[in-house]
């Protein structure tokens, strides 16, 4: 394969990856999804808020706001589902 063909292929792959990431449904909660704050999420999971902050990347969540001051919200249905798997 020539270098020009490789660049074109890499560009197409990158476009496809971006499109797939945009389709990731947990990042954009539906209007009827109940979102809860981290304190409520910790209560649902029966863990401390500090421990929830440590494991938050293992759970689907969305961040509302900018930079470090943004609020981290969790879908209540996802938390209940996760709790039943514990």
Protein backbone atom coordinates (compact mmCIF):
# COMPACT_ATOMS: atom_id res chain seq x y z
CA UNK A 1 0.00 0.00 0.00
CA UNK A 2 1.25 3.45 -0.84
CA UNK A 3 1.59 6.14 1.80
CA UNK A 4 -1.20 8.21 0.22
CA UNK A 5 -3.57 5.22 0.39
CA UNK A 6 -2.63 4.62 4.04
CA UNK A 7 -3.42 8.23 4.94
CA UNK A 8 -6.79 7.99 3.22
CA UNK A 9 -7.58 4.72 5.01
CA UNK A 10 -6.54 6.18 8.38
CA UNK A 11 -8.76 9.19 7.77
CA UNK A 12 -11.76 6.98 6.98
CA UNK A 13 -11.16 4.86 10.08
CA UNK A 14 -10.94 7.99 12.24
CA UNK A 15 -14.24 9.28 10.82
CA UNK A 16 -15.91 5.95 11.57
CA UNK A 17 -14.59 5.90 15.14
CA UNK A 18 -15.84 9.44 15.77
CA UNK A 19 -19.27 8.50 14.44
CA UNK A 20 -19.43 5.42 16.66
CA UNK A 21 -18.46 7.47 19.71
CA UNK A 22 -21.19 9.98 18.95
CA UNK A 23 -23.73 7.14 18.88
CA UNK A 24 -22.75 6.00 22.38
CA UNK A 25 -26.17 6.25 24.07
CA UNK A 26 -25.13 6.34 27.73
CA UNK A 27 -23.26 9.60 27.26
CA UNK A 28 -26.42 11.35 26.14
CA UNK A 29 -29.23 10.38 28.50
CA UNK A 30 -32.74 10.33 27.13
CA UNK A 31 -35.26 12.87 28.39
CA UNK A 32 -37.03 10.28 30.54
CA UNK A 33 -33.84 9.01 32.25
CA UNK A 34 -33.73 9.89 35.93
CA UNK A 35 -30.32 11.32 36.75
CA UNK A 36 -29.05 11.38 40.32
CA UNK A 37 -26.16 13.22 41.94
CA UNK A 38 -23.16 11.41 43.38
CA UNK A 39 -24.49 11.47 46.96
CA UNK A 40 -27.75 9.84 45.90
CA UNK A 41 -25.85 7.36 43.72
CA UNK A 42 -23.68 6.38 46.67
CA UNK A 43 -26.81 5.83 48.78
CA UNK A 44 -28.35 3.61 46.08
CA UNK A 45 -25.16 1.53 45.88
CA UNK A 46 -24.78 1.48 49.66
CA UNK A 47 -21.24 2.87 49.49
CA UNK A 48 -19.64 6.10 50.67
CA UNK A 49 -19.56 9.12 48.37
CA UNK A 50 -15.76 9.08 48.60
CA UNK A 51 -15.60 5.49 47.34
CA UNK A 52 -18.07 6.32 44.55
CA UNK A 53 -15.73 9.07 43.36
CA UNK A 54 -12.92 6.51 43.24
CA UNK A 55 -14.89 4.04 41.10
CA UNK A 56 -16.94 6.50 39.03
CA UNK A 57 -15.04 5.67 35.84
CA UNK A 58 -16.32 2.09 36.08
CA UNK A 59 -19.92 3.34 36.01
CA UNK A 60 -21.73 5.09 33.17
CA UNK A 61 -22.05 8.77 34.06
CA UNK A 62 -22.36 12.20 32.52
CA UNK A 63 -20.68 15.40 33.57
CA UNK A 64 -22.68 18.61 33.47
CA UNK A 65 -20.77 21.84 33.66
CA UNK A 66 -17.25 22.88 32.88
CA UNK A 67 -13.86 21.84 34.17
CA UNK A 68 -13.52 20.45 37.69
CA UNK A 69 -16.61 22.25 38.97
CA UNK A 70 -18.93 20.19 36.78
CA UNK A 71 -21.48 17.92 38.43
CA UNK A 72 -21.25 14.19 37.89
CA UNK A 73 -24.63 12.58 37.38
CA UNK A 74 -25.55 8.91 37.13
CA UNK A 75 -28.56 7.21 35.57
CA UNK A 76 -30.60 5.68 38.34
CA UNK A 77 -31.49 2.63 36.21
CA UNK A 78 -27.79 1.93 35.55
CA UNK A 79 -27.01 2.12 39.27
CA UNK A 80 -29.76 -0.32 40.16
CA UNK A 81 -28.54 -2.67 37.44
CA UNK A 82 -24.94 -2.40 38.71
CA UNK A 83 -26.05 -2.97 42.31
CA UNK A 84 -27.82 -6.21 41.39
CA UNK A 85 -24.59 -7.46 39.80
CA UNK A 86 -22.53 -6.89 42.97
